[in-house]
Each structure stands twice: as structure tokens, then as C-alpha cells.
């Protein structure tokens, strides 16, 4: 039984009529840039998260990069984050002239371990960038408490955290800004790239809007900042607005499918993911830990069950970031990277497909144990 990790064709089929109609509208009217669909998407995503401003940009990476600038993080500053993430999280900090400071993660949730943060704070620390990995928030109360005690900015990397919340308070409300990604494979994915900055601060919103268009804020051809070319095109905004009407349904489906994994894999050697109390989980990924991860991945491939490794190499093992932390200094990060495997959980899978994937994992574990 084939179990695909991503199925954008089935997703498109789910919204084909509405998508085709809105694309026809844009192509016939010629409203390609910063039009009504950009404005509509910004308002709708901001409303979903209960924040004042949404600023649509070209990618999730641009969202992180621009919000660093908009909140004054720059040369010589330090930003505390983790090495267990996609490279964009650290990349943008370096591009801003700041220094990423890596702390270890909780091996059960894969999120930054708040108990490790205060030891990493120095007089140069300007911000904490928690990464809401795989579809749930970090321990936001603990992170925000630390930030308040030390007068630090919180910048949420919410690239995988759209519609994630803690006790009903959504991402975007825990710091100066949050960055979302709408890359193809996200829970809410564009037909390409896209991102958004969320903030409750008028000054951050104004500067972010200016910086996405070359630093223009007051009027055309008057440049207040050194900016970027980071407009979200109208086609992407329109497609995202159509898909947004399905997001709750699709996220609920992911949650239903996650329960199959928990049911079937209970009692095996598989370390199942943990949800932090008070969080919802939108299951951008269903990531487990297995000692013989590579063997399991190969076994699943033989059965035509897709899987992915997020992330196989911690950032401090890569040449551009190796000076930031020594190998062995982040033991949980390094152990998790050697064991983690993400199993298929996209919303257009059938229960039979997910059960087959889960039973395949269970069979591998039983064979390994000699049962």
C-alpha cells in the first residue's frame, strides 16, 4: 500500500473549483501585486491568531529576517535559539549581523528546553527565538517569564505553527513578532513560497511593511530603511485564502490520524511525541524516535511508506555554524537527530493508509526484538 508523505495533488482536488475561479479572476484583471487578496489574507490570518497585524511576505525565511530588523536585532547582538531546526532559523540571525546562541532541546517535545536558557544569557543577549517545531508551541510561559526577567525580546519562529495555541492564545501573541511559512508542504501551503509576520505592535508592523518593499514607508520613492523585495504575489495570497477555509478541517484530520499512531505504536520501543500541557498540536509532522532509525526508514521504503528525517544533522555540525557550539555540547539535540523519523500524517491520507504505516513500524520493532 502506497503511503505518500505529501500529496499536493489531492489537496488541490479538494479546492479545485474555488482555486480555478480565483486564478481566472486575477489573470483576467491583472491585479498581481499587493492587491485585495494580500490584504484579505493578512486580515484573515491575523484574525485567526487574534493579533492586530499580519504582513504578507515572499517566504517564511523573509518573515524571520524582516522581523529581526523591525525589532532592532542587529550587529553584535546574541539571539538564543536551538540547533535542531531548519537552517533558516539561524541563517537569518547571522544575516542580521547577530550571533545565534544554541541551547539544547527537550528530547520528548523537540522544543527548546527552558531550563537551559538562563545559563546562555550574556550582556550581549538581545532576544530569544523559540521555534514552534512540528506543529505545537514551545513552553511559552516559561520562555516568556525568562524574557521578562532579563528584559529580552521574544521572536517566535512559527514557520510550522500556524493555528497553534496554548490555552487558546495563539502564536503571534507571545513576543514582539512571529514568522509564519506557507511553503508548499506546510499545513497551509501555497503553490510555491509565502510567509507572514504577525505582531501586535504598530511600529513593528509599519517597519515590516516598509521593509518588504525596499524600505518605503511614507510615500513612493522615499526610502526610510534599507529593505528587501519581499512582496507576496497575489496568486499565492488568493490560493492561500481558498485553502484557509479548509485549514481547520485539515488540521482536525491530522489529529484524527495521529491517534492511530498512538494506538498502534503504544508499548513498542518507539518514543512517541509529547504534547506540552495546555497546547493544541496541529501535527505538521508526526515525529518519533527509534534507535535504528535508518533501518526503519529502509524497511518502510520497501513497503512504499514514505518517511522523512527532520532534522538529520544539527546546525552546529554544518561548516557555517560549527564555531557556534562544539560537537557534544548539545547532547539531546545530537541524540534526537540520530533517532528521529517523521511518519506520514498529511490530511488526505485514509485511515487504512496510516494504520498500514503504523503497523509496518510495529512489525519492524517486533522483528528487531525477535518476537
Protein backbone atom coordinates (compact mmCIF):
# COMPACT_ATOMS: atom_id res chain seq x y z
CA UNK A 1 0.00 0.00 0.00
CA UNK A 2 1.50 3.36 -1.02
CA UNK A 3 1.50 5.94 1.78
CA UNK A 4 2.74 9.30 0.44
CA UNK A 5 4.31 11.83 2.77
CA UNK A 6 2.96 14.80 0.81
CA UNK A 7 0.05 14.84 -1.64
CA UNK A 8 -0.44 18.31 -3.09
CA UNK A 9 -2.50 16.95 -5.99
CA UNK A 10 -5.20 15.62 -3.67
CA UNK A 11 -5.11 18.89 -1.76
CA UNK A 12 -5.66 20.81 -4.99
CA UNK A 13 -8.52 18.49 -5.94
CA UNK A 14 -10.16 19.37 -2.62
CA UNK A 15 -10.29 23.07 -3.57
CA UNK A 16 -10.10 22.91 -7.36
CA UNK A 17 -13.28 24.81 -8.21
CA UNK A 18 -12.62 27.75 -5.90
CA UNK A 19 -8.92 27.90 -6.79
CA UNK A 20 -9.52 27.87 -10.54
CA UNK A 21 -12.11 30.64 -10.22
CA UNK A 22 -9.86 32.95 -8.24
CA UNK A 23 -6.88 32.35 -10.53
CA UNK A 24 -9.04 33.22 -13.53
CA UNK A 25 -10.11 36.42 -11.78
CA UNK A 26 -6.52 37.50 -11.12
CA UNK A 27 -5.23 36.65 -14.58
CA UNK A 28 -8.06 38.47 -16.30
CA UNK A 29 -7.95 41.59 -14.11
CA UNK A 30 -4.15 41.85 -13.95
CA UNK A 31 -4.07 42.58 -10.20
CA UNK A 32 -0.85 40.72 -9.48
CA UNK A 33 0.87 42.53 -6.60
CA UNK A 34 -0.29 43.69 -3.12
CA UNK A 35 -3.94 43.64 -4.09
CA UNK A 36 -7.16 42.66 -2.38
CA UNK A 37 -6.11 39.05 -1.78
CA UNK A 38 -2.93 40.12 0.03
CA UNK A 39 -5.00 42.43 2.20
CA UNK A 40 -7.67 39.80 2.74
CA UNK A 41 -5.14 37.11 3.68
CA UNK A 42 -3.39 39.43 6.12
CA UNK A 43 -6.66 40.27 7.84
CA UNK A 44 -7.86 36.66 7.95
CA UNK A 45 -4.65 35.16 9.32
CA UNK A 46 -4.35 37.96 11.88
CA UNK A 47 -7.94 37.34 12.97
CA UNK A 48 -7.34 33.58 13.24
CA UNK A 49 -4.42 34.24 15.59
CA UNK A 50 -6.05 37.09 17.47
CA UNK A 51 -3.29 39.57 16.63
CA UNK A 52 -3.51 43.13 15.38
CA UNK A 53 -1.34 42.92 12.24
CA UNK A 54 -0.44 40.44 9.55
CA UNK A 55 2.18 41.40 6.97
CA UNK A 56 2.40 39.06 3.97
CA UNK A 57 5.89 38.48 2.56
CA UNK A 58 7.61 36.30 -0.01
CA UNK A 59 8.65 33.42 2.28
CA UNK A 60 8.86 32.23 5.86
CA UNK A 61 12.58 32.97 5.79
CA UNK A 62 11.88 36.57 4.79
CA UNK A 63 9.34 36.83 7.60
CA UNK A 64 12.03 35.91 10.15
CA UNK A 65 14.64 38.13 8.53
CA UNK A 66 12.43 41.21 8.35
CA UNK A 67 11.07 40.85 11.87
CA UNK A 68 14.63 40.76 13.24
CA UNK A 69 15.32 44.09 11.53
CA UNK A 70 11.96 45.53 12.53
CA UNK A 71 12.61 44.82 16.21
CA UNK A 72 16.13 46.20 16.20
CA UNK A 73 18.15 42.98 16.40
CA UNK A 74 21.46 43.57 14.67
CA UNK A 75 25.23 43.58 14.71
CA UNK A 76 26.80 42.27 17.90
CA UNK A 77 23.54 41.08 19.45
CA UNK A 78 23.04 37.50 20.55
CA UNK A 79 19.85 35.55 19.91
CA UNK A 80 19.17 32.38 21.89
CA UNK A 81 17.63 29.57 19.85
CA UNK A 82 18.24 25.88 19.06
CA UNK A 83 20.35 23.92 16.59
CA UNK A 84 17.52 21.44 16.00
CA UNK A 85 15.66 23.25 13.26
CA UNK A 86 15.69 24.16 9.58
CA UNK A 87 18.69 26.29 8.70
CA UNK A 88 16.63 29.45 8.06
CA UNK A 89 16.21 29.98 11.80
CA UNK A 90 19.96 30.53 12.33
CA UNK A 91 20.68 31.84 8.84
CA UNK A 92 18.59 34.98 9.28
CA UNK A 93 20.20 35.77 12.63
CA UNK A 94 23.63 35.69 11.01
CA UNK A 95 22.40 37.76 8.07
CA UNK A 96 21.19 40.40 10.53
CA UNK A 97 24.72 40.64 11.93
CA UNK A 98 23.75 38.95 15.18
CA UNK A 99 25.02 35.69 16.68
CA UNK A 100 22.87 32.57 17.22
CA UNK A 101 23.42 31.03 20.65
CA UNK A 102 22.31 27.41 20.66
CA UNK A 103 20.82 25.73 23.71
CA UNK A 104 19.65 22.14 24.00
CA UNK A 105 16.16 20.76 23.44
CA UNK A 106 13.68 18.66 25.37
CA UNK A 107 14.01 15.19 23.75
CA UNK A 108 10.31 14.40 24.20
CA UNK A 109 8.85 17.55 22.64
CA UNK A 110 11.83 18.55 20.42
CA UNK A 111 11.36 22.15 21.60
CA UNK A 112 13.87 24.47 23.27
CA UNK A 113 14.47 23.43 26.88
CA UNK A 114 13.64 26.49 29.01
CA UNK A 115 15.82 25.21 31.85
CA UNK A 116 18.87 25.71 29.63
CA UNK A 117 18.13 29.29 28.55
CA UNK A 118 19.24 31.41 31.51
CA UNK A 119 22.73 29.90 31.55
CA UNK A 120 23.17 31.08 27.95
CA UNK A 121 22.25 34.73 28.64
CA UNK A 122 25.10 37.27 28.48
CA UNK A 123 25.22 41.08 28.43
CA UNK A 124 25.00 40.84 24.62
CA UNK A 125 21.79 38.81 24.58
CA UNK A 126 19.04 40.77 22.83
CA UNK A 127 16.38 38.18 22.05
CA UNK A 128 15.13 34.62 22.39
CA UNK A 129 13.85 32.97 19.22
CA UNK A 130 11.83 29.88 20.24
CA UNK A 131 10.95 27.57 17.36
CA UNK A 132 7.45 26.10 17.46
CA UNK A 133 8.53 22.84 15.90
CA UNK A 134 6.34 20.26 14.15
CA UNK A 135 3.02 21.95 14.95
CA UNK A 136 2.98 22.89 18.62
CA UNK A 137 4.20 25.80 20.69
CA UNK A 138 7.25 25.65 22.92
CA UNK A 139 6.70 26.01 26.66
CA UNK A 140 5.74 29.64 26.03
CA UNK A 141 5.00 30.57 29.62
CA UNK A 142 8.47 29.53 30.75
CA UNK A 143 10.20 31.25 27.82
CA UNK A 144 8.24 34.48 28.28
CA UNK A 145 8.91 34.51 32.02
CA UNK A 146 12.65 34.29 31.36
CA UNK A 147 12.44 37.04 28.74
CA UNK A 148 10.62 39.35 31.16
CA UNK A 149 13.13 38.77 33.95
CA UNK A 150 16.03 39.64 31.66
CA UNK A 151 14.35 42.31 29.51
CA UNK A 152 14.73 40.30 26.30
CA UNK A 153 12.71 40.35 23.09
CA UNK A 154 10.81 37.18 22.16
CA UNK A 155 10.64 36.48 18.42
CA UNK A 156 8.58 33.41 17.57
CA UNK A 157 9.71 31.19 14.72
CA UNK A 158 6.25 29.88 13.91
CA UNK A 159 7.05 28.57 10.43
CA UNK A 160 5.44 25.25 11.41
CA UNK A 161 2.97 26.69 13.89
CA UNK A 162 0.01 28.19 12.06
CA UNK A 163 -3.15 27.81 14.19
CA UNK A 164 -1.11 26.50 17.13
CA UNK A 165 -2.06 27.86 20.55
CA UNK A 166 -1.51 27.48 24.28
CA UNK A 167 -4.71 27.56 26.34
CA UNK A 168 -6.40 29.31 23.43
CA UNK A 169 -3.76 32.04 22.99
CA UNK A 170 -2.31 31.66 19.52
CA UNK A 171 1.22 32.09 18.25
CA UNK A 172 1.95 35.73 17.47
CA UNK A 173 0.84 36.87 20.93
CA UNK A 174 3.89 35.83 22.94
CA UNK A 175 6.51 38.26 21.70
CA UNK A 176 7.28 41.25 19.55
CA UNK A 177 6.55 39.29 16.36
CA UNK A 178 6.09 35.83 14.89
CA UNK A 179 7.02 34.49 11.47
CA UNK A 180 4.82 32.02 9.56
CA UNK A 181 5.73 29.98 6.49
CA UNK A 182 3.35 28.97 3.72
CA UNK A 183 5.78 26.73 1.88
CA UNK A 184 4.11 24.01 -0.20
CA UNK A 185 4.40 21.28 2.43
CA UNK A 186 3.08 23.29 5.40
CA UNK A 187 -0.38 22.70 6.90
CA UNK A 188 -1.42 25.81 4.99
CA UNK A 189 0.74 25.73 1.88
CA UNK A 190 0.91 27.99 -1.14
CA UNK A 191 1.61 26.92 -4.71
CA UNK A 192 5.22 27.91 -4.07
CA UNK A 193 6.62 30.15 -1.36
CA UNK A 194 4.99 32.60 1.02
CA UNK A 195 5.23 33.87 4.56
CA UNK A 196 3.72 36.29 7.06
CA UNK A 197 4.79 38.37 10.03
CA UNK A 198 2.31 38.57 12.91
CA UNK A 199 2.57 41.31 15.52
CA UNK A 200 0.52 43.36 17.96
CA UNK A 201 2.95 46.30 17.76
CA UNK A 202 2.16 49.13 15.36
CA UNK A 203 5.79 50.19 14.96
CA UNK A 204 6.92 46.65 14.13
CA UNK A 205 4.09 46.31 11.60
CA UNK A 206 4.85 49.67 9.96
CA UNK A 207 8.55 48.93 9.63
CA UNK A 208 7.89 45.39 8.35
CA UNK A 209 5.53 46.68 5.67
CA UNK A 210 8.12 49.23 4.60
CA UNK A 211 10.97 46.75 4.56
CA UNK A 212 9.17 44.28 2.32
CA UNK A 213 9.14 46.97 -0.40
CA UNK A 214 12.70 48.34 -0.37
CA UNK A 215 12.22 50.33 2.83
CA UNK A 216 9.46 52.61 1.57
CA UNK A 217 7.07 53.64 4.32
CA UNK A 218 5.74 57.19 3.91
CA UNK A 219 5.44 57.55 0.14
CA UNK A 220 6.64 56.09 -3.11
CA UNK A 221 10.36 56.52 -3.81
CA UNK A 222 11.02 57.80 -0.29
CA UNK A 223 13.20 55.22 1.47
CA UNK A 224 13.19 55.15 5.26
CA UNK A 225 15.12 51.88 5.64
CA UNK A 226 17.37 49.51 3.76
CA UNK A 227 14.76 46.99 2.74
CA UNK A 228 14.04 43.95 0.62
CA UNK A 229 11.95 42.80 -2.31
CA UNK A 230 9.58 40.55 -0.40
CA UNK A 231 6.06 41.05 -1.66
CA UNK A 232 3.75 38.05 -1.68
CA UNK A 233 2.30 37.79 -5.17
CA UNK A 234 -1.46 38.00 -5.46
CA UNK A 235 -1.81 34.50 -6.88
CA UNK A 236 -0.23 32.94 -3.80
CA UNK A 237 -2.36 35.08 -1.49
CA UNK A 238 -5.54 34.05 -3.32
CA UNK A 239 -4.69 30.34 -3.21
CA UNK A 240 -3.90 30.59 0.49
CA UNK A 241 -7.23 32.30 1.16
CA UNK A 242 -9.05 29.42 -0.52
CA UNK A 243 -7.09 26.82 1.43
CA UNK A 244 -7.55 28.75 4.68
CA UNK A 245 -11.26 27.88 4.55
CA UNK A 246 -10.18 24.22 4.82
CA UNK A 247 -7.43 24.60 7.41
CA UNK A 248 -9.47 23.68 10.49
CA UNK A 249 -10.89 20.62 8.74
CA UNK A 250 -7.45 19.54 7.54
CA UNK A 251 -5.87 20.05 10.97
CA UNK A 252 -8.65 18.07 12.63
CA UNK A 253 -7.99 15.28 10.15
CA UNK A 254 -4.30 15.28 11.05
CA UNK A 255 -5.26 14.98 14.72
CA UNK A 256 -7.53 12.03 13.96
CA UNK A 257 -4.73 10.28 12.08
CA UNK A 258 -2.24 10.93 14.90
CA UNK A 259 -4.42 8.85 17.23
CA UNK A 260 -3.90 5.81 15.04
CA UNK A 261 -0.14 6.06 15.52
CA UNK A 262 -0.54 6.45 19.27
CA UNK A 263 -2.86 3.44 19.40
CA UNK A 264 -0.81 1.08 17.23
CA UNK A 265 2.65 2.05 18.49
CA UNK A 266 1.85 2.00 22.21
CA UNK A 267 4.09 -0.46 24.02
CA UNK A 268 6.77 -0.56 21.31
CA UNK A 269 10.31 0.79 21.52
CA UNK A 270 9.17 3.81 19.52
CA UNK A 271 9.38 7.04 21.52
CA UNK A 272 6.16 8.85 20.64
CA UNK A 273 5.92 12.67 20.53
CA UNK A 274 4.72 14.53 23.60
CA UNK A 275 2.32 17.46 23.62
CA UNK A 276 3.14 20.16 26.16
CA UNK A 277 0.22 20.62 28.63
CA UNK A 278 -2.08 23.43 27.51
CA UNK A 279 -1.02 23.17 23.87
CA UNK A 280 -3.01 22.01 20.91
CA UNK A 281 -0.96 20.14 18.31
CA UNK A 282 -1.54 20.73 14.62
CA UNK A 283 0.71 17.81 13.60
CA UNK A 284 2.72 19.49 10.90
CA UNK A 285 4.90 16.43 11.43
CA UNK A 286 4.37 13.23 13.40
CA UNK A 287 7.92 12.61 14.53
CA UNK A 288 9.02 9.58 16.51
CA UNK A 289 12.37 8.41 17.85
CA UNK A 290 13.73 4.94 17.11
CA UNK A 291 17.25 3.68 17.92
CA UNK A 292 17.64 2.02 14.50
CA UNK A 293 16.11 4.92 12.60
CA UNK A 294 17.89 4.25 9.31
CA UNK A 295 16.89 0.59 9.35
CA UNK A 296 13.26 1.53 9.95
CA UNK A 297 13.34 4.09 7.14
CA UNK A 298 14.67 1.47 4.72
CA UNK A 299 12.05 -1.06 5.88
CA UNK A 300 9.24 1.45 5.31
CA UNK A 301 10.58 2.32 1.87
CA UNK A 302 10.35 -1.34 0.86
CA UNK A 303 6.69 -1.18 1.83
CA UNK A 304 6.14 2.06 -0.12
CA UNK A 305 5.56 4.02 3.08
CA UNK A 306 7.21 7.42 2.78
CA UNK A 307 9.10 8.94 5.68
CA UNK A 308 11.37 11.92 6.20
CA UNK A 309 14.12 12.90 8.61
CA UNK A 310 13.68 16.34 10.20
CA UNK A 311 16.49 17.03 11.01
CA UNK A 312 19.36 14.60 10.38
CA UNK A 313 22.27 16.97 11.09
CA UNK A 314 22.19 19.56 13.91
CA UNK A 315 23.09 23.04 12.73
CA UNK A 316 26.30 23.19 14.75
CA UNK A 317 27.63 20.24 12.70
CA UNK A 318 27.48 22.30 9.48
CA UNK A 319 30.57 24.31 8.45
CA UNK A 320 29.00 27.81 8.56
CA UNK A 321 27.74 27.27 12.13
CA UNK A 322 30.30 24.86 13.59
CA UNK A 323 32.08 27.64 15.50
CA UNK A 324 28.91 28.38 17.48
CA UNK A 325 28.86 25.16 19.50
CA UNK A 326 31.19 22.19 19.86
CA UNK A 327 30.10 18.70 18.93
CA UNK A 328 28.93 17.02 22.11
CA UNK A 329 27.81 20.28 23.72
CA UNK A 330 24.13 19.73 22.85
CA UNK A 331 23.66 16.06 23.77
CA UNK A 332 19.87 15.88 23.45
CA UNK A 333 19.89 17.69 20.12
CA UNK A 334 22.53 15.32 18.77
CA UNK A 335 20.83 12.18 20.07
CA UNK A 336 17.42 13.19 18.72
CA UNK A 337 18.92 14.00 15.31
CA UNK A 338 20.29 10.45 15.12
CA UNK A 339 16.97 8.80 16.03
CA UNK A 340 14.14 10.97 14.71
CA UNK A 341 11.84 9.94 11.87
CA UNK A 342 8.71 11.68 10.63
CA UNK A 343 5.84 9.45 9.52
CA UNK A 344 3.09 10.36 7.01
CA UNK A 345 0.26 12.40 8.52
CA UNK A 346 -0.99 14.72 5.78
CA UNK A 347 -4.73 15.33 5.75
CA UNK A 348 -5.51 13.45 2.53
CA UNK A 349 -4.44 10.04 3.77
CA UNK A 350 -7.01 7.37 4.56
CA UNK A 351 -7.19 5.71 7.96
CA UNK A 352 -6.19 2.45 6.26
CA UNK A 353 -3.04 4.05 4.88
CA UNK A 354 -1.99 5.42 8.27
CA UNK A 355 -2.81 2.17 10.01
CA UNK A 356 -0.69 0.32 7.45
CA UNK A 357 2.20 2.74 8.10
CA UNK A 358 1.83 2.33 11.87
CA UNK A 359 1.56 -1.48 11.66
CA UNK A 360 4.67 -1.53 9.48
CA UNK A 361 6.59 0.35 12.16
CA UNK A 362 5.29 -2.04 14.80
CA UNK A 363 6.28 -5.04 12.68
CA UNK A 364 9.81 -3.68 12.31
CA UNK A 365 10.11 -3.25 16.06
CA UNK A 366 8.85 -6.78 16.74
CA UNK A 367 11.27 -8.29 14.21
CA UNK A 368 14.16 -6.37 15.69
CA UNK A 369 13.23 -7.63 19.16
CA UNK A 370 12.99 -11.18 17.86
CA UNK A 371 9.36 -11.51 18.85
